[in-house]
Amino acid sequence: MPYALFDRDKQIDRAFPTEKQAWEHALISGLVLDVPVADEAGGQVLPAGYHMKQIPGDEVFEPAPAWKLPKEVS
């Protein structure tokens, strides 16, 4: 099943076959500023409400074209 970046319950980036690919695209496209590392203790790298999750293949869709990165992050 593919992975996508979400802002609360809204998908804000397209889906990718692996979680790694989804994080890489979010980072390259400027949707996130850093990718979390499992063994690294530190602050939150994503704005509140953002999360990566696995989605069923039949729910893959493009995000709303009007979506913008929050000003406190950009």
PDB file of N, CA and C in Angstrom:
ATOM      1  N   MET A   1       0.838  -1.182   0.000  1.00  0.00           N
ATOM      2  CA  MET A   1       0.000   0.000   0.000  1.00  0.00           C
ATOM      3  C   MET A   1       0.885   1.248   0.000  1.00  0.00           C
ATOM      4  N   PRO A   2       0.460   2.285  -0.671  1.00  0.00           N
ATOM      5  CA  PRO A   2       1.269   3.507  -0.773  1.00  0.00           C
ATOM      6  C   PRO A   2       1.215   4.369   0.496  1.00  0.00           C
ATOM      7  N   TYR A   3       2.126   5.341   0.550  1.00  0.00           N
ATOM      8  CA  TYR A   3       2.220   6.288   1.670  1.00  0.00           C
ATOM      9  C   TYR A   3       2.048   7.702   1.146  1.00  0.00           C
ATOM     10  N   ALA A   4       1.496   8.579   2.003  1.00  0.00           N
ATOM     11  CA  ALA A   4       1.330   9.986   1.645  1.00  0.00           C
ATOM     12  C   ALA A   4       1.427  10.849   2.895  1.00  0.00           C
ATOM     13  N   LEU A   5       1.772  12.138   2.681  1.00  0.00           N
ATOM     14  CA  LEU A   5       1.842  13.100   3.763  1.00  0.00           C
ATOM     15  C   LEU A   5       0.470  13.717   3.961  1.00  0.00           C
ATOM     16  N   PHE A   6       0.063  13.822   5.235  1.00  0.00           N
ATOM     17  CA  PHE A   6      -1.249  14.363   5.583  1.00  0.00           C
ATOM     18  C   PHE A   6      -1.107  15.548   6.527  1.00  0.00           C
ATOM     19  N   ASP A   7      -2.042  16.481   6.423  1.00  0.00           N
ATOM     20  CA  ASP A   7      -2.227  17.552   7.396  1.00  0.00           C
ATOM     21  C   ASP A   7      -3.558  17.238   8.057  1.00  0.00           C
ATOM     22  N   ARG A   8      -3.489  16.703   9.264  1.00  0.00           N
ATOM     23  CA  ARG A   8      -4.642  16.171   9.982  1.00  0.00           C
ATOM     24  C   ARG A   8      -5.294  15.071   9.135  1.00  0.00           C
ATOM     25  N   ASP A   9      -6.478  15.311   8.563  1.00  0.00           N
ATOM     26  CA  ASP A   9      -7.131  14.252   7.786  1.00  0.00           C
ATOM     27  C   ASP A   9      -7.084  14.506   6.282  1.00  0.00           C
ATOM     28  N   LYS A  10      -6.339  15.527   5.835  1.00  0.00           N
ATOM     29  CA  LYS A  10      -6.281  15.857   4.410  1.00  0.00           C
ATOM     30  C   LYS A  10      -4.927  15.482   3.821  1.00  0.00           C
ATOM     31  N   GLN A  11      -4.964  14.726   2.735  1.00  0.00           N
ATOM     32  CA  GLN A  11      -3.741  14.358   2.038  1.00  0.00           C
ATOM     33  C   GLN A  11      -3.206  15.601   1.327  1.00  0.00           C
ATOM     34  N   ILE A  12      -1.926  15.960   1.589  1.00  0.00           N
ATOM     35  CA  ILE A  12      -1.367  17.179   1.006  1.00  0.00           C
ATOM     36  C   ILE A  12      -0.263  16.907  -0.007  1.00  0.00           C
ATOM     37  N   ASP A  13       0.050  15.665  -0.251  1.00  0.00           N
ATOM     38  CA  ASP A  13       1.028  15.310  -1.270  1.00  0.00           C
ATOM     39  C   ASP A  13       0.557  14.030  -1.931  1.00  0.00           C
ATOM     40  N   ARG A  14       1.069  13.777  -3.117  1.00  0.00           N
ATOM     41  CA  ARG A  14       0.637  12.561  -3.808  1.00  0.00           C
ATOM     42  C   ARG A  14       1.200  11.327  -3.115  1.00  0.00           C
ATOM     43  N   ALA A  15       0.640  10.198  -3.391  1.00  0.00           N
ATOM     44  CA  ALA A  15       1.050   8.943  -2.764  1.00  0.00           C
ATOM     45  C   ALA A  15       2.250   8.351  -3.490  1.00  0.00           C
ATOM     46  N   PHE A  16       3.080   7.629  -2.729  1.00  0.00           N
ATOM     47  CA  PHE A  16       4.269   6.960  -3.263  1.00  0.00           C
ATOM     48  C   PHE A  16       4.273   5.516  -2.790  1.00  0.00           C
ATOM     49  N   PRO A  17       4.935   4.638  -3.557  1.00  0.00           N
ATOM     50  CA  PRO A  17       4.932   3.210  -3.219  1.00  0.00           C
ATOM     51  C   PRO A  17       5.553   2.891  -1.860  1.00  0.00           C
ATOM     52  N   THR A  18       6.552   3.679  -1.428  1.00  0.00           N
ATOM     53  CA  THR A  18       7.189   3.413  -0.140  1.00  0.00           C
ATOM     54  C   THR A  18       7.179   4.675   0.724  1.00  0.00           C
ATOM     55  N   GLU A  19       7.297   4.484   2.041  1.00  0.00           N
ATOM     56  CA  GLU A  19       7.343   5.617   2.952  1.00  0.00           C
ATOM     57  C   GLU A  19       8.598   6.459   2.693  1.00  0.00           C
ATOM     58  N   LYS A  20       9.699   5.802   2.378  1.00  0.00           N
ATOM     59  CA  LYS A  20      10.952   6.510   2.083  1.00  0.00           C
ATOM     60  C   LYS A  20      10.769   7.452   0.893  1.00  0.00           C
ATOM     61  N   GLN A  21      10.150   6.968  -0.173  1.00  0.00           N
ATOM     62  CA  GLN A  21       9.914   7.810  -1.350  1.00  0.00           C
ATOM     63  C   GLN A  21       8.994   8.984  -1.029  1.00  0.00           C
ATOM     64  N   ALA A  22       8.003   8.753  -0.186  1.00  0.00           N
ATOM     65  CA  ALA A  22       7.076   9.820   0.195  1.00  0.00           C
ATOM     66  C   ALA A  22       7.804  10.895   0.988  1.00  0.00           C
ATOM     67  N   TRP A  23       8.687  10.495   1.940  1.00  0.00           N
ATOM     68  CA  TRP A  23       9.463  11.469   2.709  1.00  0.00           C
ATOM     69  C   TRP A  23      10.413  12.241   1.803  1.00  0.00           C
ATOM     70  N   GLU A  24      11.077  11.534   0.885  1.00  0.00           N
ATOM     71  CA  GLU A  24      12.022  12.201  -0.021  1.00  0.00           C
ATOM     72  C   GLU A  24      11.320  13.258  -0.863  1.00  0.00           C
ATOM     73  N   HIS A  25      10.160  12.918  -1.400  1.00  0.00           N
ATOM     74  CA  HIS A  25       9.430  13.880  -2.233  1.00  0.00           C
ATOM     75  C   HIS A  25       8.961  15.069  -1.403  1.00  0.00           C
ATOM     76  N   ALA A  26       8.451  14.821  -0.201  1.00  0.00           N
ATOM     77  CA  ALA A  26       7.996  15.915   0.662  1.00  0.00           C
ATOM     78  C   ALA A  26       9.153  16.855   0.992  1.00  0.00           C
ATOM     79  N   LEU A  27      10.333  16.311   1.212  1.00  0.00           N
ATOM     80  CA  LEU A  27      11.509  17.119   1.527  1.00  0.00           C
ATOM     81  C   LEU A  27      11.968  17.921   0.306  1.00  0.00           C
ATOM     82  N   ILE A  28      12.086  17.269  -0.832  1.00  0.00           N
ATOM     83  CA  ILE A  28      12.538  17.938  -2.063  1.00  0.00           C
ATOM     84  C   ILE A  28      11.564  19.018  -2.509  1.00  0.00           C
ATOM     85  N   SER A  29      10.276  18.762  -2.361  1.00  0.00           N
ATOM     86  CA  SER A  29       9.271  19.723  -2.812  1.00  0.00           C
ATOM     87  C   SER A  29       8.996  20.838  -1.807  1.00  0.00           C
ATOM     88  N   GLY A  30       9.637  20.790  -0.629  1.00  0.00           N
ATOM     89  CA  GLY A  30       9.483  21.848   0.359  1.00  0.00           C
ATOM     90  C   GLY A  30       8.280  21.708   1.268  1.00  0.00           C
ATOM     91  N   LEU A  31       7.637  20.548   1.274  1.00  0.00           N
ATOM     92  CA  LEU A  31       6.492  20.339   2.164  1.00  0.00           C
ATOM     93  C   LEU A  31       6.920  20.135   3.608  1.00  0.00           C
ATOM     94  N   VAL A  32       8.137  19.636   3.815  1.00  0.00           N
ATOM     95  CA  VAL A  32       8.724  19.493   5.148  1.00  0.00           C
ATOM     96  C   VAL A  32      10.146  20.035   5.090  1.00  0.00           C
ATOM     97  N   LEU A  33      10.659  20.430   6.260  1.00  0.00           N
ATOM     98  CA  LEU A  33      12.004  21.001   6.315  1.00  0.00           C
ATOM     99  C   LEU A  33      13.067  19.973   6.658  1.00  0.00           C
ATOM    100  N   ASP A  34      12.671  18.862   7.256  1.00  0.00           N
ATOM    101  CA  ASP A  34      13.603  17.831   7.659  1.00  0.00           C
ATOM    102  C   ASP A  34      12.836  16.528   7.781  1.00  0.00           C
ATOM    103  N   VAL A  35      13.534  15.423   7.654  1.00  0.00           N
ATOM    104  CA  VAL A  35      12.905  14.113   7.782  1.00  0.00           C
ATOM    105  C   VAL A  35      13.250  13.556   9.155  1.00  0.00           C
ATOM    106  N   PRO A  36      12.255  13.076   9.926  1.00  0.00           N
ATOM    107  CA  PRO A  36      12.553  12.534  11.247  1.00  0.00           C
ATOM    108  C   PRO A  36      13.425  11.285  11.167  1.00  0.00           C
ATOM    109  N   VAL A  37      14.307  11.132  12.145  1.00  0.00           N
ATOM    110  CA  VAL A  37      15.190   9.970  12.226  1.00  0.00           C
ATOM    111  C   VAL A  37      14.806   9.191  13.471  1.00  0.00           C
ATOM    112  N   ALA A  38      14.627   7.891  13.327  1.00  0.00           N
ATOM    113  CA  ALA A  38      14.105   7.056  14.409  1.00  0.00           C
ATOM    114  C   ALA A  38      14.962   7.095  15.676  1.00  0.00           C
ATOM    115  N   ASP A  39      16.289   7.125  15.536  1.00  0.00           N
ATOM    116  CA  ASP A  39      17.134   7.064  16.724  1.00  0.00           C
ATOM    117  C   ASP A  39      17.594   8.438  17.203  1.00  0.00           C
ATOM    118  N   GLU A  40      17.025   9.479  16.661  1.00  0.00           N
ATOM    119  CA  GLU A  40      17.426  10.842  17.021  1.00  0.00           C
ATOM    120  C   GLU A  40      16.409  11.466  17.963  1.00  0.00           C
ATOM    121  N   ALA A  41      16.858  11.864  19.140  1.00  0.00           N
ATOM    122  CA  ALA A  41      15.967  12.563  20.074  1.00  0.00           C
ATOM    123  C   ALA A  41      16.022  14.039  19.740  1.00  0.00           C
ATOM    124  N   GLY A  42      14.876  14.630  19.546  1.00  0.00           N
ATOM    125  CA  GLY A  42      14.864  16.046  19.200  1.00  0.00           C
ATOM    126  C   GLY A  42      13.450  16.554  19.123  1.00  0.00           C
ATOM    127  N   GLY A  43      13.312  17.775  18.669  1.00  0.00           N
ATOM    128  CA  GLY A  43      12.006  18.398  18.559  1.00  0.00           C
ATOM    129  C   GLY A  43      11.240  17.901  17.357  1.00  0.00           C
ATOM    130  N   GLN A  44      10.025  18.342  17.274  1.00  0.00           N
ATOM    131  CA  GLN A  44       9.157  17.962  16.163  1.00  0.00           C
ATOM    132  C   GLN A  44       9.639  18.636  14.885  1.00  0.00           C
ATOM    133  N   VAL A  45       9.784  17.877  13.807  1.00  0.00           N
ATOM    134  CA  VAL A  45      10.243  18.442  12.537  1.00  0.00           C
ATOM    135  C   VAL A  45       9.090  18.775  11.616  1.00  0.00           C
ATOM    136  N   LEU A  46       7.913  18.290  11.922  1.00  0.00           N
ATOM    137  CA  LEU A  46       6.740  18.574  11.104  1.00  0.00           C
ATOM    138  C   LEU A  46       5.833  19.548  11.840  1.00  0.00           C
ATOM    139  N   PRO A  47       5.123  20.390  11.099  1.00  0.00           N
ATOM    140  CA  PRO A  47       4.135  21.252  11.764  1.00  0.00           C
ATOM    141  C   PRO A  47       3.086  20.387  12.471  1.00  0.00           C
ATOM    142  N   ALA A  48       2.469  20.938  13.506  1.00  0.00           N
ATOM    143  CA  ALA A  48       1.442  20.211  14.243  1.00  0.00           C
ATOM    144  C   ALA A  48       0.367  19.695  13.288  1.00  0.00           C
ATOM    145  N   GLY A  49      -0.009  18.452  13.445  1.00  0.00           N
ATOM    146  CA  GLY A  49      -1.054  17.858  12.615  1.00  0.00           C
ATOM    147  C   GLY A  49      -0.527  17.104  11.408  1.00  0.00           C
ATOM    148  N   TYR A  50       0.718  17.334  11.024  1.00  0.00           N
ATOM    149  CA  TYR A  50       1.278  16.636   9.871  1.00  0.00           C
ATOM    150  C   TYR A  50       1.705  15.231  10.269  1.00  0.00           C
ATOM    151  N   HIS A  51       1.513  14.293   9.373  1.00  0.00           N
ATOM    152  CA  HIS A  51       1.970  12.931   9.596  1.00  0.00           C
ATOM    153  C   HIS A  51       1.993  12.178   8.280  1.00  0.00           C
ATOM    154  N   MET A  52       2.835  11.153   8.234  1.00  0.00           N
ATOM    155  CA  MET A  52       2.919  10.274   7.073  1.00  0.00           C
ATOM    156  C   MET A  52       2.102   9.043   7.409  1.00  0.00           C
ATOM    157  N   LYS A  53       1.278   8.598   6.477  1.00  0.00           N
ATOM    158  CA  LYS A  53       0.541   7.370   6.763  1.00  0.00           C
ATOM    159  C   LYS A  53       0.344   6.547   5.498  1.00  0.00           C
ATOM    160  N   GLN A  54       0.148   5.272   5.744  1.00  0.00           N
ATOM    161  CA  GLN A  54      -0.111   4.324   4.673  1.00  0.00           C
ATOM    162  C   GLN A  54      -1.577   4.430   4.292  1.00  0.00           C
ATOM    163  N   ILE A  55      -1.853   4.432   2.997  1.00  0.00           N
ATOM    164  CA  ILE A  55      -3.228   4.551   2.541  1.00  0.00           C
ATOM    165  C   ILE A  55      -3.579   3.384   1.625  1.00  0.00           C
ATOM    166  N   PRO A  56      -4.832   2.972   1.650  1.00  0.00           N
ATOM    167  CA  PRO A  56      -5.257   1.899   0.740  1.00  0.00           C
ATOM    168  C   PRO A  56      -5.069   2.344  -0.715  1.00  0.00           C
ATOM    169  N   GLY A  57      -4.692   1.423  -1.564  1.00  0.00           N
ATOM    170  CA  GLY A  57      -4.450   1.733  -2.969  1.00  0.00           C
ATOM    171  C   GLY A  57      -5.623   2.376  -3.667  1.00  0.00           C
ATOM    172  N   ASP A  58      -6.850   2.059  -3.268  1.00  0.00           N
ATOM    173  CA  ASP A  58      -8.015   2.627  -3.932  1.00  0.00           C
ATOM    174  C   ASP A  58      -8.336   4.038  -3.451  1.00  0.00           C
ATOM    175  N   GLU A  59      -7.549   4.571  -2.473  1.00  0.00           N
ATOM    176  CA  GLU A  59      -7.772   5.926  -1.986  1.00  0.00           C
ATOM    177  C   GLU A  59      -6.691   6.900  -2.437  1.00  0.00           C
ATOM    178  N   VAL A  60      -5.851   6.508  -3.378  1.00  0.00           N
ATOM    179  CA  VAL A  60      -4.784   7.379  -3.859  1.00  0.00           C
ATOM    180  C   VAL A  60      -5.390   8.503  -4.683  1.00  0.00           C
ATOM    181  N   PHE A  61      -5.052   9.744  -4.329  1.00  0.00           N
ATOM    182  CA  PHE A  61      -5.541  10.897  -5.077  1.00  0.00           C
ATOM    183  C   PHE A  61      -4.554  12.034  -4.941  1.00  0.00           C
ATOM    184  N   GLU A  62      -4.667  13.023  -5.808  1.00  0.00           N
ATOM    185  CA  GLU A  62      -3.805  14.197  -5.767  1.00  0.00           C
ATOM    186  C   GLU A  62      -4.333  15.172  -4.729  1.00  0.00           C
ATOM    187  N   PRO A  63      -3.425  15.922  -4.058  1.00  0.00           N
ATOM    188  CA  PRO A  63      -3.877  16.905  -3.084  1.00  0.00           C
ATOM    189  C   PRO A  63      -4.560  18.087  -3.755  1.00  0.00           C
ATOM    190  N   ALA A  64      -5.282  18.871  -2.977  1.00  0.00           N
ATOM    191  CA  ALA A  64      -5.952  20.058  -3.507  1.00  0.00           C
ATOM    192  C   ALA A  64      -4.907  21.017  -4.069  1.00  0.00           C
ATOM    193  N   PRO A  65      -5.099  21.554  -5.273  1.00  0.00           N
ATOM    194  CA  PRO A  65      -4.096  22.432  -5.883  1.00  0.00           C
ATOM    195  C   PRO A  65      -3.899  23.738  -5.130  1.00  0.00           C
ATOM    196  N   ALA A  66      -4.840  24.169  -4.332  1.00  0.00           N
ATOM    197  CA  ALA A  66      -4.728  25.435  -3.602  1.00  0.00           C
ATOM    198  C   ALA A  66      -3.981  25.293  -2.284  1.00  0.00           C
ATOM    199  N   TRP A  67      -3.562  24.081  -1.916  1.00  0.00           N
ATOM    200  CA  TRP A  67      -2.895  23.883  -0.642  1.00  0.00           C
ATOM    201  C   TRP A  67      -1.568  24.633  -0.618  1.00  0.00           C
ATOM    202  N   LYS A  68      -1.283  25.305   0.481  1.00  0.00           N
ATOM    203  CA  LYS A  68      -0.040  26.043   0.676  1.00  0.00           C
ATOM    204  C   LYS A  68       0.608  25.640   2.001  1.00  0.00           C
ATOM    205  N   LEU A  69       1.934  25.699   2.068  1.00  0.00           N
ATOM    206  CA  LEU A  69       2.662  25.424   3.284  1.00  0.00           C
ATOM    207  C   LEU A  69       2.376  26.515   4.303  1.00  0.00           C
ATOM    208  N   PRO A  70       2.096  26.175   5.572  1.00  0.00           N
ATOM    209  CA  PRO A  70       1.816  27.204   6.586  1.00  0.00           C
ATOM    210  C   PRO A  70       2.962  28.197   6.697  1.00  0.00           C
ATOM    211  N   LYS A  71       2.643  29.484   6.941  1.00  0.00           N
ATOM    212  CA  LYS A  71       3.660  30.536   6.996  1.00  0.00           C
ATOM    213  C   LYS A  71       4.682  30.304   8.100  1.00  0.00           C
ATOM    214  N   GLU A  72       4.274  29.701   9.222  1.00  0.00           N
ATOM    215  CA  GLU A  72       5.226  29.485  10.303  1.00  0.00           C
ATOM    216  C   GLU A  72       6.289  28.466   9.949  1.00  0.00           C
ATOM    217  N   VAL A  73       6.122  27.736   8.856  1.00  0.00           N
ATOM    218  CA  VAL A  73       7.097  26.735   8.422  1.00  0.00           C
ATOM    219  C   VAL A  73       7.923  27.258   7.266  1.00  0.00           C
ATOM    220  N   SER A  74       7.306  28.014   6.377  1.00  0.00           N
ATOM    221  CA  SER A  74       8.021  28.463   5.171  1.00  0.00           C
ATOM    222  C   SER A  74       8.930  29.632   5.425  1.00  0.00           C
TER     223      SER A  74
END
